[in-house]
Amino acid sequence: MRSGRGRHADAYANDRNAAVDAGSTVSALRDWTYYDLEASPEAVKSLVDRYLARNYHNPLAEAEIKGIRFDLLKCLDLYHGKELDSLAKRVVINPDRTYRQDNRPPAAKK
């Protein structure tokens, strides 16, 4: 039987800096991806806010953990949903390339 804690939690076991890591990941993705800087931030925020506002309900989990929100599950649903795919097609300028592919750091000298 699986533990109640999913494998994703292993990355943040006893780590109170998960939000800092998530923010750094967002910054890195912004640096590495070609996307419309004018339209992207507000469109993404709006879509994320809509998903986080969803009311996911699980009576068994709620009996054990008061105030459980299922935010990670909402994010996974967003990631696999058609709305994010549609948004990405609108705001990602060059989906076949990354900034890193086109702007490689200079090779380290030996």
N, C-alpha and C. Protein backbone atom coordinates (compact mmCIF):
# COMPACT_ATOMS: atom_id res chain seq x y z
N MET A 1 0.84 -1.18 0.00
CA MET A 1 0.00 0.00 0.00
C MET A 1 0.88 1.24 0.00
N ARG A 2 0.49 2.23 -0.76
CA ARG A 2 1.24 3.47 -0.86
C ARG A 2 1.04 4.33 0.37
N SER A 3 2.06 5.06 0.71
CA SER A 3 1.89 5.99 1.83
C SER A 3 1.01 7.14 1.37
N GLY A 4 0.44 7.86 2.31
CA GLY A 4 -0.42 9.00 1.97
C GLY A 4 0.36 10.11 1.31
N ARG A 5 1.65 10.13 1.51
CA ARG A 5 2.48 11.17 0.91
C ARG A 5 2.95 10.71 -0.44
N GLY A 6 2.71 11.50 -1.47
CA GLY A 6 3.12 11.13 -2.82
C GLY A 6 4.61 11.30 -3.03
N ARG A 7 5.12 10.75 -4.11
CA ARG A 7 6.54 10.83 -4.42
C ARG A 7 6.99 12.26 -4.64
N HIS A 8 6.09 13.14 -5.14
CA HIS A 8 6.46 14.54 -5.35
C HIS A 8 6.90 15.20 -4.05
N ALA A 9 6.38 14.74 -2.92
CA ALA A 9 6.73 15.33 -1.63
C ALA A 9 8.17 15.03 -1.24
N ASP A 10 8.77 13.99 -1.80
CA ASP A 10 10.15 13.66 -1.48
C ASP A 10 11.10 14.79 -1.81
N ALA A 11 10.83 15.51 -2.88
CA ALA A 11 11.70 16.61 -3.27
C ALA A 11 11.70 17.72 -2.22
N TYR A 12 10.64 17.83 -1.46
CA TYR A 12 10.51 18.90 -0.47
C TYR A 12 10.36 18.39 0.95
N ALA A 13 10.82 17.19 1.21
CA ALA A 13 10.71 16.63 2.55
C ALA A 13 11.36 17.57 3.57
N ASN A 14 10.59 17.98 4.55
CA ASN A 14 11.06 18.86 5.62
C ASN A 14 11.68 20.15 5.11
N ASP A 15 11.25 20.62 3.97
CA ASP A 15 11.81 21.83 3.37
C ASP A 15 10.75 22.92 3.34
N ARG A 16 11.02 23.98 4.07
CA ARG A 16 10.06 25.09 4.12
C ARG A 16 10.30 26.08 2.99
N ASN A 17 11.26 25.79 2.12
CA ASN A 17 11.59 26.70 1.04
C ASN A 17 11.02 26.24 -0.30
N ALA A 18 9.98 25.45 -0.28
CA ALA A 18 9.39 24.96 -1.53
C ALA A 18 8.92 26.13 -2.40
N ALA A 19 8.37 27.17 -1.78
CA ALA A 19 7.90 28.32 -2.56
C ALA A 19 9.06 29.04 -3.22
N VAL A 20 10.19 29.14 -2.54
CA VAL A 20 11.38 29.78 -3.13
C VAL A 20 11.85 28.97 -4.33
N ASP A 21 11.87 27.65 -4.19
CA ASP A 21 12.28 26.78 -5.29
C ASP A 21 11.31 26.93 -6.47
N ALA A 22 10.04 26.98 -6.19
CA ALA A 22 9.05 27.13 -7.26
C ALA A 22 9.24 28.46 -7.98
N GLY A 23 9.49 29.53 -7.23
CA GLY A 23 9.73 30.83 -7.83
C GLY A 23 10.98 30.85 -8.69
N SER A 24 12.04 30.21 -8.21
CA SER A 24 13.28 30.12 -8.98
C SER A 24 13.08 29.32 -10.26
N THR A 25 12.27 28.28 -10.18
CA THR A 25 11.97 27.47 -11.35
C THR A 25 11.21 28.30 -12.39
N VAL A 26 10.26 29.09 -11.94
CA VAL A 26 9.52 29.97 -12.84
C VAL A 26 10.48 30.95 -13.52
N SER A 27 11.38 31.54 -12.74
CA SER A 27 12.34 32.48 -13.32
C SER A 27 13.22 31.81 -14.36
N ALA A 28 13.66 30.61 -14.07
CA ALA A 28 14.50 29.88 -15.02
C ALA A 28 13.73 29.59 -16.30
N LEU A 29 12.50 29.15 -16.17
CA LEU A 29 11.70 28.87 -17.35
C LEU A 29 11.47 30.13 -18.18
N ARG A 30 11.27 31.24 -17.51
CA ARG A 30 11.10 32.50 -18.24
C ARG A 30 12.37 32.87 -19.00
N ASP A 31 13.53 32.60 -18.39
CA ASP A 31 14.81 32.91 -19.03
C ASP A 31 15.09 31.99 -20.21
N TRP A 32 14.57 30.80 -20.18
CA TRP A 32 14.94 29.78 -21.17
C TRP A 32 13.92 29.62 -22.30
N THR A 33 12.79 30.27 -22.22
CA THR A 33 11.72 30.04 -23.17
C THR A 33 11.42 31.31 -23.95
N TYR A 34 11.15 31.17 -25.22
CA TYR A 34 10.70 32.31 -26.02
C TYR A 34 9.19 32.45 -25.84
N TYR A 35 8.76 33.53 -25.25
CA TYR A 35 7.34 33.76 -25.13
C TYR A 35 7.06 35.26 -25.10
N ASP A 36 5.84 35.64 -25.33
CA ASP A 36 5.42 37.02 -25.38
C ASP A 36 5.39 37.60 -23.97
N LEU A 37 6.37 38.42 -23.64
CA LEU A 37 6.48 38.99 -22.29
C LEU A 37 5.34 39.95 -21.97
N GLU A 38 4.71 40.51 -22.98
CA GLU A 38 3.61 41.44 -22.74
C GLU A 38 2.33 40.70 -22.36
N ALA A 39 2.00 39.64 -23.07
CA ALA A 39 0.73 38.94 -22.86
C ALA A 39 0.83 37.82 -21.84
N SER A 40 1.98 37.21 -21.72
CA SER A 40 2.11 36.00 -20.91
C SER A 40 1.80 36.15 -19.43
N PRO A 41 2.43 37.07 -18.71
CA PRO A 41 2.24 37.07 -17.25
C PRO A 41 0.79 37.17 -16.81
N GLU A 42 0.02 38.08 -17.35
CA GLU A 42 -1.37 38.22 -16.92
C GLU A 42 -2.23 37.05 -17.38
N ALA A 43 -1.99 36.57 -18.58
CA ALA A 43 -2.78 35.44 -19.08
C ALA A 43 -2.52 34.19 -18.24
N VAL A 44 -1.26 33.96 -17.91
CA VAL A 44 -0.91 32.79 -17.10
C VAL A 44 -1.48 32.94 -15.70
N LYS A 45 -1.32 34.11 -15.10
CA LYS A 45 -1.85 34.33 -13.75
C LYS A 45 -3.36 34.10 -13.71
N SER A 46 -4.06 34.61 -14.70
CA SER A 46 -5.50 34.44 -14.75
C SER A 46 -5.89 32.97 -14.84
N LEU A 47 -5.20 32.22 -15.69
CA LEU A 47 -5.50 30.80 -15.85
C LEU A 47 -5.19 30.04 -14.55
N VAL A 48 -4.05 30.31 -13.94
CA VAL A 48 -3.68 29.65 -12.68
C VAL A 48 -4.70 29.98 -11.59
N ASP A 49 -5.08 31.24 -11.50
CA ASP A 49 -6.06 31.64 -10.48
C ASP A 49 -7.38 30.90 -10.66
N ARG A 50 -7.80 30.73 -11.90
CA ARG A 50 -9.06 30.00 -12.15
C ARG A 50 -8.95 28.55 -11.69
N TYR A 51 -7.82 27.91 -11.96
CA TYR A 51 -7.66 26.52 -11.53
C TYR A 51 -7.56 26.42 -10.01
N LEU A 52 -6.82 27.32 -9.38
CA LEU A 52 -6.69 27.26 -7.93
C LEU A 52 -8.00 27.56 -7.21
N ALA A 53 -8.90 28.26 -7.87
CA ALA A 53 -10.21 28.57 -7.27
C ALA A 53 -11.18 27.40 -7.37
N ARG A 54 -10.80 26.37 -8.11
CA ARG A 54 -11.69 25.21 -8.22
C ARG A 54 -11.92 24.57 -6.86
N ASN A 55 -13.08 23.98 -6.69
CA ASN A 55 -13.43 23.34 -5.42
C ASN A 55 -13.29 21.83 -5.57
N TYR A 56 -12.14 21.31 -5.21
CA TYR A 56 -11.93 19.86 -5.22
C TYR A 56 -12.34 19.34 -3.86
N HIS A 57 -13.08 18.25 -3.86
CA HIS A 57 -13.67 17.75 -2.63
C HIS A 57 -13.38 16.26 -2.48
N ASN A 58 -12.82 15.87 -1.34
CA ASN A 58 -12.58 14.47 -1.04
C ASN A 58 -12.90 14.25 0.44
N PRO A 59 -14.08 13.74 0.74
CA PRO A 59 -14.50 13.59 2.14
C PRO A 59 -13.54 12.76 2.99
N LEU A 60 -12.92 11.73 2.40
CA LEU A 60 -12.00 10.91 3.18
C LEU A 60 -10.76 11.69 3.61
N ALA A 61 -10.17 12.43 2.67
CA ALA A 61 -8.99 13.22 2.99
C ALA A 61 -9.35 14.37 3.93
N GLU A 62 -10.51 14.98 3.71
CA GLU A 62 -10.93 16.10 4.55
C GLU A 62 -11.23 15.68 5.98
N ALA A 63 -11.61 14.42 6.17
CA ALA A 63 -11.84 13.92 7.52
C ALA A 63 -10.52 13.81 8.29
N GLU A 64 -9.43 13.57 7.55
CA GLU A 64 -8.11 13.43 8.18
C GLU A 64 -7.37 14.76 8.27
N ILE A 65 -7.54 15.62 7.26
CA ILE A 65 -6.77 16.86 7.19
C ILE A 65 -7.75 18.02 6.98
N LYS A 66 -7.97 18.80 8.01
CA LYS A 66 -8.89 19.94 7.91
C LYS A 66 -8.27 21.02 7.01
N GLY A 67 -9.08 21.57 6.13
CA GLY A 67 -8.63 22.67 5.27
C GLY A 67 -7.79 22.25 4.08
N ILE A 68 -7.76 20.96 3.77
CA ILE A 68 -6.97 20.49 2.62
C ILE A 68 -7.49 21.15 1.35
N ARG A 69 -6.56 21.54 0.46
CA ARG A 69 -6.97 22.31 -0.71
C ARG A 69 -6.70 21.61 -2.04
N PHE A 70 -5.85 20.64 -2.09
CA PHE A 70 -5.52 19.92 -3.33
C PHE A 70 -4.92 20.83 -4.40
N ASP A 71 -4.13 21.81 -3.98
CA ASP A 71 -3.55 22.75 -4.94
C ASP A 71 -2.60 22.08 -5.93
N LEU A 72 -1.81 21.12 -5.50
CA LEU A 72 -0.93 20.43 -6.43
C LEU A 72 -1.75 19.67 -7.48
N LEU A 73 -2.81 19.03 -7.07
CA LEU A 73 -3.68 18.33 -8.01
C LEU A 73 -4.29 19.30 -9.02
N LYS A 74 -4.68 20.47 -8.56
CA LYS A 74 -5.21 21.48 -9.46
C LYS A 74 -4.15 21.90 -10.48
N CYS A 75 -2.90 22.05 -10.02
CA CYS A 75 -1.81 22.41 -10.92
C CYS A 75 -1.54 21.31 -11.94
N LEU A 76 -1.61 20.07 -11.50
CA LEU A 76 -1.43 18.96 -12.44
C LEU A 76 -2.55 18.94 -13.47
N ASP A 77 -3.77 19.19 -13.03
CA ASP A 77 -4.89 19.26 -13.98
C ASP A 77 -4.68 20.40 -14.97
N LEU A 78 -4.21 21.52 -14.49
CA LEU A 78 -3.91 22.65 -15.38
C LEU A 78 -2.85 22.26 -16.39
N TYR A 79 -1.78 21.65 -15.92
CA TYR A 79 -0.66 21.27 -16.79
C TYR A 79 -1.12 20.34 -17.91
N HIS A 80 -2.00 19.43 -17.60
CA HIS A 80 -2.46 18.44 -18.58
C HIS A 80 -3.72 18.89 -19.33
N GLY A 81 -4.20 20.09 -19.04
CA GLY A 81 -5.44 20.55 -19.64
C GLY A 81 -5.27 21.24 -20.99
N LYS A 82 -6.37 21.34 -21.68
CA LYS A 82 -6.39 21.97 -23.01
C LYS A 82 -6.20 23.48 -22.93
N GLU A 83 -6.63 24.09 -21.82
CA GLU A 83 -6.52 25.55 -21.70
C GLU A 83 -5.07 26.01 -21.70
N LEU A 84 -4.21 25.31 -20.98
CA LEU A 84 -2.79 25.68 -20.95
C LEU A 84 -2.15 25.46 -22.31
N ASP A 85 -2.50 24.38 -22.96
CA ASP A 85 -1.98 24.11 -24.30
C ASP A 85 -2.38 25.24 -25.26
N SER A 86 -3.61 25.65 -25.18
CA SER A 86 -4.10 26.73 -26.04
C SER A 86 -3.37 28.04 -25.73
N LEU A 87 -3.20 28.34 -24.46
CA LEU A 87 -2.49 29.56 -24.06
C LEU A 87 -1.04 29.52 -24.55
N ALA A 88 -0.39 28.39 -24.37
CA ALA A 88 1.01 28.27 -24.82
C ALA A 88 1.12 28.51 -26.32
N LYS A 89 0.18 28.00 -27.07
CA LYS A 89 0.22 28.20 -28.53
C LYS A 89 0.05 29.67 -28.90
N ARG A 90 -0.64 30.42 -28.03
CA ARG A 90 -0.83 31.85 -28.30
C ARG A 90 0.38 32.68 -27.89
N VAL A 91 1.07 32.31 -26.82
CA VAL A 91 2.11 33.20 -26.27
C VAL A 91 3.54 32.72 -26.46
N VAL A 92 3.75 31.45 -26.77
CA VAL A 92 5.12 30.98 -27.01
C VAL A 92 5.49 31.33 -28.44
N ILE A 93 6.48 32.17 -28.58
CA ILE A 93 6.86 32.72 -29.87
C ILE A 93 7.52 31.68 -30.77
N ASN A 94 8.41 30.90 -30.22
CA ASN A 94 9.14 29.92 -31.01
C ASN A 94 9.14 28.59 -30.27
N PRO A 95 8.08 27.80 -30.44
CA PRO A 95 7.93 26.58 -29.64
C PRO A 95 8.97 25.50 -29.95
N ASP A 96 9.67 25.61 -31.05
CA ASP A 96 10.65 24.59 -31.40
C ASP A 96 12.06 24.92 -30.94
N ARG A 97 12.23 26.06 -30.31
CA ARG A 97 13.55 26.48 -29.85
C ARG A 97 13.45 26.96 -28.42
N THR A 98 14.56 26.95 -27.72
CA THR A 98 14.64 27.56 -26.40
C THR A 98 15.72 28.62 -26.43
N TYR A 99 15.63 29.54 -25.52
CA TYR A 99 16.63 30.59 -25.41
C TYR A 99 18.01 29.97 -25.21
N ARG A 100 18.06 28.97 -24.39
CA ARG A 100 19.34 28.30 -24.12
C ARG A 100 19.94 27.67 -25.36
N GLN A 101 19.11 27.11 -26.23
CA GLN A 101 19.63 26.51 -27.47
C GLN A 101 20.31 27.57 -28.33
N ASP A 102 19.75 28.75 -28.37
CA ASP A 102 20.25 29.81 -29.22
C ASP A 102 21.28 30.70 -28.55
N ASN A 103 21.45 30.58 -27.25
CA ASN A 103 22.36 31.44 -26.49
C ASN A 103 23.16 30.60 -25.50
N ARG A 104 23.95 29.71 -26.02
CA ARG A 104 24.74 28.84 -25.16
C ARG A 104 25.84 29.65 -24.48
N PRO A 105 26.11 29.34 -23.20
CA PRO A 105 27.20 30.03 -22.52
C PRO A 105 28.54 29.64 -23.17
N PRO A 106 29.53 30.50 -23.10
CA PRO A 106 30.83 30.16 -23.66
C PRO A 106 31.39 28.91 -22.98
N ALA A 107 32.11 28.12 -23.73
CA ALA A 107 32.71 26.89 -23.18
C ALA A 107 33.74 27.28 -22.12
N ALA A 108 33.76 26.50 -21.08
CA ALA A 108 34.74 26.74 -20.01
C ALA A 108 36.15 26.44 -20.51
N LYS A 109 37.09 27.31 -20.12
CA LYS A 109 38.49 27.10 -20.52
C LYS A 109 39.12 26.07 -19.60
N LYS A 110 39.94 25.22 -20.20
CA LYS A 110 40.61 24.17 -19.42
C LYS A 110 41.97 24.61 -18.99
